PDB file of N, CA and C in Angstrom:
ATOM      1  N   UNK A   1       0.847  -1.224   0.091  1.00  0.00           N
ATOM      2  CA  UNK A   1      -0.229  -0.047  -0.003  1.00  0.00           C
ATOM      3  C   UNK A   1       0.871   1.230  -0.063  1.00  0.00           C
ATOM      4  N   UNK A   2       0.485   2.110  -0.953  1.00  0.00           N
ATOM      5  CA  UNK A   2       1.412   3.405  -0.919  1.00  0.00           C
ATOM      6  C   UNK A   2       0.534   4.739  -0.691  1.00  0.00           C
ATOM      7  N   UNK A   3       0.925   5.546  -0.025  1.00  0.00           N
ATOM      8  CA  UNK A   3       0.524   6.601   0.531  1.00  0.00           C
ATOM      9  C   UNK A   3       0.894   7.788  -0.364  1.00  0.00           C
ATOM     10  N   UNK A   4       0.038   8.591  -1.166  1.00  0.00           N
ATOM     11  CA  UNK A   4       0.481   9.615  -2.027  1.00  0.00           C
ATOM     12  C   UNK A   4      -0.360  10.778  -1.456  1.00  0.00           C
ATOM     13  N   UNK A   5       0.535  11.838  -1.623  1.00  0.00           N
ATOM     14  CA  UNK A   5      -0.094  13.411  -1.384  1.00  0.00           C
ATOM     15  C   UNK A   5      -0.317  13.885  -2.556  1.00  0.00           C
ATOM     16  N   UNK A   6      -1.471  14.415  -2.978  1.00  0.00           N
ATOM     17  CA  UNK A   6      -1.795  15.313  -4.191  1.00  0.00           C
ATOM     18  C   UNK A   6      -1.796  16.594  -3.627  1.00  0.00           C
ATOM     19  N   UNK A   7      -1.436  17.643  -4.204  1.00  0.00           N
ATOM     20  CA  UNK A   7      -1.467  18.941  -3.863  1.00  0.00           C
ATOM     21  C   UNK A   7      -2.145  19.555  -5.006  1.00  0.00           C
ATOM     22  N   UNK A   8      -3.333  20.151  -5.039  1.00  0.00           N
ATOM     23  CA  UNK A   8      -4.077  20.709  -6.100  1.00  0.00           C
ATOM     24  C   UNK A   8      -3.630  22.237  -6.239  1.00  0.00           C
ATOM     25  N   UNK A   9      -3.944  22.814  -7.436  1.00  0.00           N
ATOM     26  CA  UNK A   9      -3.532  24.200  -7.875  1.00  0.00           C
ATOM     27  C   UNK A   9      -3.908  25.165  -6.691  1.00  0.00           C
ATOM     28  N   UNK A  10      -5.217  24.867  -5.959  1.00  0.00           N
ATOM     29  CA  UNK A  10      -5.554  25.665  -4.940  1.00  0.00           C
ATOM     30  C   UNK A  10      -5.052  25.584  -3.618  1.00  0.00           C
ATOM     31  N   UNK A  11      -3.788  24.649  -3.612  1.00  0.00           N
ATOM     32  CA  UNK A  11      -3.147  24.549  -2.261  1.00  0.00           C
ATOM     33  C   UNK A  11      -3.663  23.407  -1.253  1.00  0.00           C
ATOM     34  N   UNK A  12      -4.786  22.929  -1.782  1.00  0.00           N
ATOM     35  CA  UNK A  12      -5.153  21.702  -1.005  1.00  0.00           C
ATOM     36  C   UNK A  12      -4.737  20.377  -1.061  1.00  0.00           C
ATOM     37  N   UNK A  13      -4.530  19.821   0.078  1.00  0.00           N
ATOM     38  CA  UNK A  13      -3.765  18.511  -0.059  1.00  0.00           C
ATOM     39  C   UNK A  13      -4.491  17.144   0.242  1.00  0.00           C
ATOM     40  N   UNK A  14      -4.400  16.289  -0.387  1.00  0.00           N
ATOM     41  CA  UNK A  14      -5.285  15.174  -0.601  1.00  0.00           C
ATOM     42  C   UNK A  14      -4.410  13.851  -0.490  1.00  0.00           C
ATOM     43  N   UNK A  15      -4.485  13.299   0.891  1.00  0.00           N
ATOM     44  CA  UNK A  15      -3.658  12.117   0.982  1.00  0.00           C
ATOM     45  C   UNK A  15      -4.366  10.857   0.639  1.00  0.00           C
ATOM     46  N   UNK A  16      -4.043  10.085  -0.090  1.00  0.00           N
ATOM     47  CA  UNK A  16      -4.745   8.905  -0.545  1.00  0.00           C
ATOM     48  C   UNK A  16      -3.766   7.682  -0.643  1.00  0.00           C
ATOM     49  N   UNK A  17      -4.430   6.436  -0.483  1.00  0.00           N
ATOM     50  CA  UNK A  17      -3.750   5.195  -0.378  1.00  0.00           C
ATOM     51  C   UNK A  17      -4.161   4.280  -1.648  1.00  0.00           C
ATOM     52  N   UNK A  18      -3.327   3.523  -2.111  1.00  0.00           N
ATOM     53  CA  UNK A  18      -3.585   2.418  -3.136  1.00  0.00           C
ATOM     54  C   UNK A  18      -2.589   1.488  -3.347  1.00  0.00           C
ATOM     55  N   UNK A  19      -2.998   0.500  -3.859  1.00  0.00           N
ATOM     56  CA  UNK A  19      -1.939  -0.556  -3.948  1.00  0.00           C
ATOM     57  C   UNK A  19      -1.762  -1.185  -5.353  1.00  0.00           C
ATOM     58  N   UNK A  20      -2.663  -0.536  -6.458  1.00  0.00           N
ATOM     59  CA  UNK A  20      -2.567  -1.216  -7.633  1.00  0.00           C
ATOM     60  C   UNK A  20      -3.281  -0.015  -8.587  1.00  0.00           C
ATOM     61  N   UNK A  21      -2.761  -0.011  -9.866  1.00  0.00           N
ATOM     62  CA  UNK A  21      -3.214   0.742 -10.694  1.00  0.00           C
ATOM     63  C   UNK A  21      -2.089   1.824 -10.885  1.00  0.00           C
ATOM     64  N   UNK A  22      -2.694   3.059 -11.550  1.00  0.00           N
ATOM     65  CA  UNK A  22      -1.747   4.151 -11.579  1.00  0.00           C
ATOM     66  C   UNK A  22      -2.008   5.399 -10.782  1.00  0.00           C
ATOM     67  N   UNK A  23      -1.398   6.562 -10.852  1.00  0.00           N
ATOM     68  CA  UNK A  23      -1.705   7.595  -9.747  1.00  0.00           C
ATOM     69  C   UNK A  23      -2.768   8.325 -10.408  1.00  0.00           C
ATOM     70  N   UNK A  24      -2.817   8.275 -11.831  1.00  0.00           N
ATOM     71  CA  UNK A  24      -3.959   9.019 -12.563  1.00  0.00           C
ATOM     72  C   UNK A  24      -5.200   8.058 -11.956  1.00  0.00           C
ATOM     73  N   UNK A  25      -5.276   6.644 -12.015  1.00  0.00           N
ATOM     74  CA  UNK A  25      -6.521   6.128 -11.590  1.00  0.00           C
ATOM     75  C   UNK A  25      -6.966   6.235 -10.179  1.00  0.00           C
ATOM     76  N   UNK A  26      -5.824   6.391  -9.377  1.00  0.00           N
ATOM     77  CA  UNK A  26      -6.116   6.651  -7.704  1.00  0.00           C
ATOM     78  C   UNK A  26      -6.586   8.121  -7.708  1.00  0.00           C
ATOM     79  N   UNK A  27      -6.240   9.231  -8.552  1.00  0.00           N
ATOM     80  CA  UNK A  27      -6.836  10.543  -8.691  1.00  0.00           C
ATOM     81  C   UNK A  27      -8.083  10.402  -9.160  1.00  0.00           C
ATOM     82  N   UNK A  28      -8.355  10.072 -10.241  1.00  0.00           N
ATOM     83  CA  UNK A  28      -9.570  10.223 -10.696  1.00  0.00           C
ATOM     84  C   UNK A  28     -10.828   9.388 -10.004  1.00  0.00           C
ATOM     85  N   UNK A  29     -10.181   8.214  -9.300  1.00  0.00           N
ATOM     86  CA  UNK A  29     -11.162   7.363  -8.612  1.00  0.00           C
ATOM     87  C   UNK A  29     -11.707   8.310  -7.290  1.00  0.00           C
ATOM     88  N   UNK A  30     -10.760   9.164  -6.879  1.00  0.00           N
ATOM     89  CA  UNK A  30     -11.056  10.045  -5.887  1.00  0.00           C
ATOM     90  C   UNK A  30     -11.275  11.449  -6.018  1.00  0.00           C
ATOM     91  N   UNK A  31     -11.652  11.683  -7.247  1.00  0.00           N
ATOM     92  CA  UNK A  31     -12.197  13.126  -7.846  1.00  0.00           C
ATOM     93  C   UNK A  31     -11.195  14.030  -7.183  1.00  0.00           C
ATOM     94  N   UNK A  32      -9.758  13.884  -7.505  1.00  0.00           N
ATOM     95  CA  UNK A  32      -8.650  14.823  -7.578  1.00  0.00           C
ATOM     96  C   UNK A  32      -8.970  16.134  -8.485  1.00  0.00           C
ATOM     97  N   UNK A  33      -9.294  17.201  -8.171  1.00  0.00           N
ATOM     98  CA  UNK A  33      -9.445  18.195  -9.180  1.00  0.00           C
ATOM     99  C   UNK A  33      -8.166  18.770  -9.994  1.00  0.00           C
ATOM    100  N   UNK A  34      -8.345  18.521 -11.196  1.00  0.00           N
ATOM    101  CA  UNK A  34      -7.368  18.964 -11.884  1.00  0.00           C
ATOM    102  C   UNK A  34      -6.696  17.829 -12.754  1.00  0.00           C
ATOM    103  N   UNK A  35      -7.253  16.406 -12.180  1.00  0.00           N
ATOM    104  CA  UNK A  35      -6.374  15.222 -13.101  1.00  0.00           C
ATOM    105  C   UNK A  35      -7.878  14.632 -13.613  1.00  0.00           C
ATOM    106  N   UNK A  36      -7.893  14.841 -14.852  1.00  0.00           N
ATOM    107  CA  UNK A  36      -9.196  14.266 -15.554  1.00  0.00           C
ATOM    108  C   UNK A  36      -8.966  13.087 -16.120  1.00  0.00           C
ATOM    109  N   UNK A  37      -7.677  12.632 -16.848  1.00  0.00           N
ATOM    110  CA  UNK A  37      -7.379  11.167 -17.332  1.00  0.00           C
ATOM    111  C   UNK A  37      -8.291  11.157 -18.439  1.00  0.00           C
ATOM    112  N   UNK A  38      -8.427  11.961 -19.494  1.00  0.00           N
ATOM    113  CA  UNK A  38      -9.427  11.938 -20.544  1.00  0.00           C
ATOM    114  C   UNK A  38      -9.253  10.747 -21.475  1.00  0.00           C
ATOM    115  N   UNK A  39      -7.693  10.402 -21.720  1.00  0.00           N
ATOM    116  CA  UNK A  39      -7.684   9.177 -22.512  1.00  0.00           C
ATOM    117  C   UNK A  39      -7.710   7.848 -21.672  1.00  0.00           C
ATOM    118  N   UNK A  40      -7.851   7.992 -20.711  1.00  0.00           N
ATOM    119  CA  UNK A  40      -8.142   6.465 -19.930  1.00  0.00           C
ATOM    120  C   UNK A  40      -6.705   5.895 -19.639  1.00  0.00           C
ATOM    121  N   UNK A  41      -5.604   6.750 -19.430  1.00  0.00           N
ATOM    122  CA  UNK A  41      -4.537   6.115 -19.211  1.00  0.00           C
ATOM    123  C   UNK A  41      -3.671   5.531 -20.121  1.00  0.00           C
ATOM    124  N   UNK A  42      -3.510   6.066 -21.352  1.00  0.00           N
ATOM    125  CA  UNK A  42      -3.038   5.337 -22.382  1.00  0.00           C
ATOM    126  C   UNK A  42      -1.703   6.447 -22.779  1.00  0.00           C
ATOM    127  N   UNK A  43      -1.487   7.448 -22.188  1.00  0.00           N
ATOM    128  CA  UNK A  43      -0.420   8.318 -22.433  1.00  0.00           C
ATOM    129  C   UNK A  43      -0.758   9.034 -23.818  1.00  0.00           C
ATOM    130  N   UNK A  44      -1.991   9.724 -23.893  1.00  0.00           N
ATOM    131  CA  UNK A  44      -2.421  10.148 -25.219  1.00  0.00           C
ATOM    132  C   UNK A  44      -3.003  11.948 -25.100  1.00  0.00           C
ATOM    133  N   UNK A  45      -3.031  12.340 -23.895  1.00  0.00           N
ATOM    134  CA  UNK A  45      -3.832  13.545 -23.586  1.00  0.00           C
ATOM    135  C   UNK A  45      -3.131  14.469 -22.700  1.00  0.00           C
ATOM    136  N   UNK A  46      -2.373  13.999 -21.791  1.00  0.00           N
ATOM    137  CA  UNK A  46      -1.496  14.876 -20.832  1.00  0.00           C
ATOM    138  C   UNK A  46      -2.669  15.719 -20.013  1.00  0.00           C
ATOM    139  N   UNK A  47      -3.834  15.046 -19.624  1.00  0.00           N
ATOM    140  CA  UNK A  47      -4.767  15.669 -18.646  1.00  0.00           C
ATOM    141  C   UNK A  47      -4.528  15.190 -17.412  1.00  0.00           C
ATOM    142  N   UNK A  48      -3.436  14.481 -17.028  1.00  0.00           N
ATOM    143  CA  UNK A  48      -3.149  13.993 -15.786  1.00  0.00           C
ATOM    144  C   UNK A  48      -1.722  14.400 -15.465  1.00  0.00           C
ATOM    145  N   UNK A  49      -1.158  15.576 -15.918  1.00  0.00           N
ATOM    146  CA  UNK A  49       0.095  16.139 -15.666  1.00  0.00           C
ATOM    147  C   UNK A  49       0.048  16.499 -14.497  1.00  0.00           C
ATOM    148  N   UNK A  50       1.372  16.026 -13.900  1.00  0.00           N
ATOM    149  CA  UNK A  50       1.742  16.355 -12.359  1.00  0.00           C
ATOM    150  C   UNK A  50       3.006  16.970 -12.272  1.00  0.00           C
ATOM    151  N   UNK A  51       3.499  17.704 -11.145  1.00  0.00           N
ATOM    152  CA  UNK A  51       4.865  17.897 -11.008  1.00  0.00           C
ATOM    153  C   UNK A  51       5.237  17.003  -9.644  1.00  0.00           C
ATOM    154  N   UNK A  52       6.203  16.294  -9.924  1.00  0.00           N
ATOM    155  CA  UNK A  52       6.702  15.473  -8.771  1.00  0.00           C
ATOM    156  C   UNK A  52       7.589  16.573  -7.811  1.00  0.00           C
ATOM    157  N   UNK A  53       7.355  16.475  -6.787  1.00  0.00           N
ATOM    158  CA  UNK A  53       8.171  17.176  -5.543  1.00  0.00           C
ATOM    159  C   UNK A  53       9.522  16.824  -5.854  1.00  0.00           C
ATOM    160  N   UNK A  54      10.587  17.862  -6.056  1.00  0.00           N
ATOM    161  CA  UNK A  54      11.841  17.805  -6.342  1.00  0.00           C
ATOM    162  C   UNK A  54      12.678  16.773  -5.541  1.00  0.00           C
ATOM    163  N   UNK A  55      12.385  16.640  -4.263  1.00  0.00           N
ATOM    164  CA  UNK A  55      13.076  15.722  -3.362  1.00  0.00           C
ATOM    165  C   UNK A  55      12.550  14.162  -3.429  1.00  0.00           C
ATOM    166  N   UNK A  56      11.447  14.046  -4.128  1.00  0.00           N
ATOM    167  CA  UNK A  56      10.917  12.674  -4.348  1.00  0.00           C
ATOM    168  C   UNK A  56      11.151  12.469  -6.074  1.00  0.00           C
ATOM    169  N   UNK A  57      11.809  12.867  -6.726  1.00  0.00           N
ATOM    170  CA  UNK A  57      12.134  12.869  -8.253  1.00  0.00           C
ATOM    171  C   UNK A  57      12.742  11.081  -8.488  1.00  0.00           C
ATOM    172  N   UNK A  58      13.490  10.927  -7.401  1.00  0.00           N
ATOM    173  CA  UNK A  58      14.376   9.503  -7.485  1.00  0.00           C
ATOM    174  C   UNK A  58      13.118   8.413  -7.359  1.00  0.00           C
ATOM    175  N   UNK A  59      12.228   8.610  -6.802  1.00  0.00           N
ATOM    176  CA  UNK A  59      11.210   7.613  -6.721  1.00  0.00           C
ATOM    177  C   UNK A  59      10.496   7.462  -7.814  1.00  0.00           C
ATOM    178  N   UNK A  60      10.402   8.212  -8.649  1.00  0.00           N
ATOM    179  CA  UNK A  60       9.655   7.991 -10.056  1.00  0.00           C
ATOM    180  C   UNK A  60      10.787   7.988 -11.168  1.00  0.00           C
ATOM    181  N   UNK A  61      11.537   8.689 -11.277  1.00  0.00           N
ATOM    182  CA  UNK A  61      12.517   9.094 -12.380  1.00  0.00           C
ATOM    183  C   UNK A  61      11.993   9.659 -13.703  1.00  0.00           C
ATOM    184  N   UNK A  62      12.712   9.822 -14.536  1.00  0.00           N
ATOM    185  CA  UNK A  62      12.233  10.603 -15.599  1.00  0.00           C
ATOM    186  C   UNK A  62      11.251   9.886 -16.549  1.00  0.00           C
ATOM    187  N   UNK A  63      10.653  10.550 -17.434  1.00  0.00           N
ATOM    188  CA  UNK A  63       9.470  10.035 -18.437  1.00  0.00           C
ATOM    189  C   UNK A  63      10.327   9.284 -19.455  1.00  0.00           C
ATOM    190  N   UNK A  64       9.554   8.270 -20.112  1.00  0.00           N
ATOM    191  CA  UNK A  64      10.183   7.703 -21.207  1.00  0.00           C
ATOM    192  C   UNK A  64       9.885   8.446 -22.392  1.00  0.00           C
ATOM    193  N   UNK A  65      10.175   8.278 -23.627  1.00  0.00           N
ATOM    194  CA  UNK A  65      10.135   8.933 -24.486  1.00  0.00           C
ATOM    195  C   UNK A  65       8.776   9.507 -25.072  1.00  0.00           C
ATOM    196  N   UNK A  66       8.074   8.497 -24.999  1.00  0.00           N
ATOM    197  CA  UNK A  66       6.582   8.636 -25.489  1.00  0.00           C
ATOM    198  C   UNK A  66       5.937   9.714 -24.455  1.00  0.00           C
ATOM    199  N   UNK A  67       6.018   9.580 -23.217  1.00  0.00           N
ATOM    200  CA  UNK A  67       5.531  10.479 -22.480  1.00  0.00           C
ATOM    201  C   UNK A  67       6.135  11.810 -22.515  1.00  0.00           C
ATOM    202  N   UNK A  68       7.290  11.974 -22.581  1.00  0.00           N
ATOM    203  CA  UNK A  68       8.077  13.424 -22.835  1.00  0.00           C
ATOM    204  C   UNK A  68       7.579  13.882 -23.860  1.00  0.00           C
ATOM    205  N   UNK A  69       7.190  13.341 -25.159  1.00  0.00           N
ATOM    206  CA  UNK A  69       6.784  13.936 -26.263  1.00  0.00           C
ATOM    207  C   UNK A  69       5.484  14.382 -26.019  1.00  0.00           C
ATOM    208  N   UNK A  70       4.640  13.645 -25.012  1.00  0.00           N
ATOM    209  CA  UNK A  70       3.136  14.157 -24.949  1.00  0.00           C
ATOM    210  C   UNK A  70       3.202  15.222 -24.029  1.00  0.00           C
ATOM    211  N   UNK A  71       4.153  15.233 -23.109  1.00  0.00           N
ATOM    212  CA  UNK A  71       4.488  16.642 -22.204  1.00  0.00           C
ATOM    213  C   UNK A  71       4.860  17.790 -22.916  1.00  0.00           C
ATOM    214  N   UNK A  72       5.158  17.632 -23.952  1.00  0.00           N
ATOM    215  CA  UNK A  72       5.821  18.802 -24.985  1.00  0.00           C
ATOM    216  C   UNK A  72       4.680  19.627 -25.348  1.00  0.00           C
ATOM    217  N   UNK A  73       3.104  19.271 -25.271  1.00  0.00           N
ATOM    218  CA  UNK A  73       2.063  20.044 -25.537  1.00  0.00           C
ATOM    219  C   UNK A  73       1.701  20.784 -24.535  1.00  0.00           C
ATOM    220  N   UNK A  74       2.202  20.658 -23.247  1.00  0.00           N
ATOM    221  CA  UNK A  74       1.607  21.337 -21.947  1.00  0.00           C
ATOM    222  C   UNK A  74       2.379  22.519 -21.828  1.00  0.00           C
ATOM    223  N   UNK A  75       1.695  23.678 -21.462  1.00  0.00           N
ATOM    224  CA  UNK A  75       2.636  24.938 -21.467  1.00  0.00           C
ATOM    225  C   UNK A  75       3.283  24.668 -19.804  1.00  0.00           C
ATOM    226  N   UNK A  76       2.782  23.924 -19.076  1.00  0.00           N
ATOM    227  CA  UNK A  76       3.134  24.076 -17.574  1.00  0.00           C
ATOM    228  C   UNK A  76       4.228  22.817 -17.322  1.00  0.00           C
ATOM    229  N   UNK A  77       5.062  22.682 -18.204  1.00  0.00           N
ATOM    230  CA  UNK A  77       5.814  21.558 -18.102  1.00  0.00           C
ATOM    231  C   UNK A  77       7.036  21.950 -17.326  1.00  0.00           C
ATOM    232  N   UNK A  78       7.698  21.496 -16.401  1.00  0.00           N
ATOM    233  CA  UNK A  78       9.003  21.618 -15.577  1.00  0.00           C
ATOM    234  C   UNK A  78       9.889  20.489 -15.757  1.00  0.00           C
ATOM    235  N   UNK A  79      10.925  20.473 -15.338  1.00  0.00           N
ATOM    236  CA  UNK A  79      11.956  19.400 -15.077  1.00  0.00           C
ATOM    237  C   UNK A  79      11.446  18.235 -14.256  1.00  0.00           C
ATOM    238  N   UNK A  80      10.488  18.500 -13.534  1.00  0.00           N
ATOM    239  CA  UNK A  80       9.808  17.419 -12.699  1.00  0.00           C
ATOM    240  C   UNK A  80       8.484  16.989 -13.116  1.00  0.00           C
ATOM    241  N   UNK A  81       8.064  17.160 -14.289  1.00  0.00           N
ATOM    242  CA  UNK A  81       6.670  16.984 -14.954  1.00  0.00           C
ATOM    243  C   UNK A  81       6.871  15.447 -15.381  1.00  0.00           C
ATOM    244  N   UNK A  82       5.739  14.829 -14.772  1.00  0.00           N
ATOM    245  CA  UNK A  82       5.240  13.448 -15.192  1.00  0.00           C
ATOM    246  C   UNK A  82       3.745  13.251 -15.568  1.00  0.00           C
ATOM    247  N   UNK A  83       3.237  12.356 -16.407  1.00  0.00           N
ATOM    248  CA  UNK A  83       1.958  11.957 -16.447  1.00  0.00           C
ATOM    249  C   UNK A  83       1.663  10.958 -15.475  1.00  0.00           C
ATOM    250  N   UNK A  84       0.600  11.304 -14.609  1.00  0.00           N
ATOM    251  CA  UNK A  84       0.195  10.429 -13.572  1.00  0.00           C
ATOM    252  C   UNK A  84      -0.350   9.069 -13.941  1.00  0.00           C
ATOM    253  N   UNK A  85      -0.715   8.957 -15.328  1.00  0.00           N
ATOM    254  CA  UNK A  85      -1.115   7.704 -15.964  1.00  0.00           C
ATOM    255  C   UNK A  85       0.060   6.810 -16.009  1.00  0.00           C
ATOM    256  N   UNK A  86       1.366   7.254 -16.118  1.00  0.00           N
ATOM    257  CA  UNK A  86       2.730   6.445 -16.539  1.00  0.00           C
ATOM    258  C   UNK A  86       3.249   6.135 -15.090  1.00  0.00           C
ATOM    259  N   UNK A  87       2.692   6.664 -14.112  1.00  0.00           N
ATOM    260  CA  UNK A  87       3.320   6.093 -12.693  1.00  0.00           C
ATOM    261  C   UNK A  87       2.379   5.265 -11.832  1.00  0.00           C
ATOM    262  N   UNK A  88       3.044   3.876 -11.949  1.00  0.00           N
ATOM    263  CA  UNK A  88       2.253   2.792 -11.320  1.00  0.00           C
ATOM    264  C   UNK A  88       2.552   2.863  -9.823  1.00  0.00           C
ATOM    265  N   UNK A  89       1.369   2.488  -8.951  1.00  0.00           N
ATOM    266  CA  UNK A  89       1.298   2.467  -7.581  1.00  0.00           C
ATOM    267  C   UNK A  89       2.159   1.356  -7.128  1.00  0.00           C
ATOM    268  N   UNK A  90       2.938   1.497  -6.294  1.00  0.00           N
ATOM    269  CA  UNK A  90       3.863   0.389  -5.487  1.00  0.00           C
ATOM    270  C   UNK A  90       4.405   0.942  -4.269  1.00  0.00           C
ATOM    271  N   UNK A  91       4.856   0.043  -3.564  1.00  0.00           N
ATOM    272  CA  UNK A  91       5.532   0.254  -2.357  1.00  0.00           C
ATOM    273  C   UNK A  91       6.587   1.412  -2.427  1.00  0.00           C
ATOM    274  N   UNK A  92       7.392   1.214  -3.505  1.00  0.00           N
ATOM    275  CA  UNK A  92       8.440   2.023  -4.029  1.00  0.00           C
ATOM    276  C   UNK A  92       8.040   3.572  -3.799  1.00  0.00           C
ATOM    277  N   UNK A  93       6.919   3.705  -4.075  1.00  0.00           N
ATOM    278  CA  UNK A  93       6.418   5.468  -4.237  1.00  0.00           C
ATOM    279  C   UNK A  93       5.919   5.735  -3.001  1.00  0.00           C
ATOM    280  N   UNK A  94       5.755   5.087  -2.168  1.00  0.00           N
ATOM    281  CA  UNK A  94       4.976   5.355  -0.800  1.00  0.00           C
ATOM    282  C   UNK A  94       5.680   6.526  -0.283  1.00  0.00           C
ATOM    283  N   UNK A  95       4.903   7.660   0.084  1.00  0.00           N
ATOM    284  CA  UNK A  95       5.322   8.908   0.590  1.00  0.00           C
ATOM    285  C   UNK A  95       5.283   9.755  -0.454  1.00  0.00           C
ATOM    286  N   UNK A  96       5.154   9.681  -1.866  1.00  0.00           N
ATOM    287  CA  UNK A  96       5.308  10.556  -2.887  1.00  0.00           C
ATOM    288  C   UNK A  96       4.405  11.847  -2.659  1.00  0.00           C
ATOM    289  N   UNK A  97       4.970  12.918  -2.874  1.00  0.00           N
ATOM    290  CA  UNK A  97       4.083  14.108  -3.052  1.00  0.00           C
ATOM    291  C   UNK A  97       4.116  14.597  -4.498  1.00  0.00           C
ATOM    292  N   UNK A  98       3.079  14.891  -4.790  1.00  0.00           N
ATOM    293  CA  UNK A  98       3.051  15.439  -6.165  1.00  0.00           C
ATOM    294  C   UNK A  98       1.903  16.602  -6.320  1.00  0.00           C
ATOM    295  N   UNK A  99       2.312  17.477  -7.169  1.00  0.00           N
ATOM    296  CA  UNK A  99       1.510  18.955  -7.492  1.00  0.00           C
ATOM    297  C   UNK A  99       0.776  18.828  -8.756  1.00  0.00           C
ATOM    298  N   UNK A 100      -0.588  18.928  -8.739  1.00  0.00           N
ATOM    299  CA  UNK A 100      -1.378  18.804  -9.836  1.00  0.00           C
ATOM    300  C   UNK A 100      -0.908  20.001 -10.570  1.00  0.00           C
ATOM    301  N   UNK A 101      -0.459  19.992 -12.032  1.00  0.00           N
ATOM    302  CA  UNK A 101      -0.182  20.957 -12.848  1.00  0.00           C
ATOM    303  C   UNK A 101      -1.363  21.725 -13.425  1.00  0.00           C
ATOM    304  N   UNK A 102      -2.646  21.160 -13.611  1.00  0.00           N
ATOM    305  CA  UNK A 102      -3.588  21.861 -14.251  1.00  0.00           C
ATOM    306  C   UNK A 102      -4.639  22.113 -13.332  1.00  0.00           C
ATOM    307  N   UNK A 103      -5.662  23.138 -13.367  1.00  0.00           N
ATOM    308  CA  UNK A 103      -6.675  23.334 -12.491  1.00  0.00           C
ATOM    309  C   UNK A 103      -7.954  23.197 -13.154  1.00  0.00           C
TER     310      UNK A 103
END
């Protein structure tokens, strides 16, 4: 079971727990504002764009090439940008803090 903190653009923190699926699924199942997951998690829309807290970057690592290409279409990309649909829930990311990129 991984505990993940989502911080929305309005500054609200939502601490959620999950053991399977992706961060996008955890967020959409719990109505996290700013994470829509319009494509259903197939890395083709960037509506689940998040910024990983810098000191947690090593928990998730950089995006693969397909994800990086999709992120290029978003104006709010930073060096810590990822798509939540591409981050699998696992014990290795327990404690992860992410900031939702879109409102």
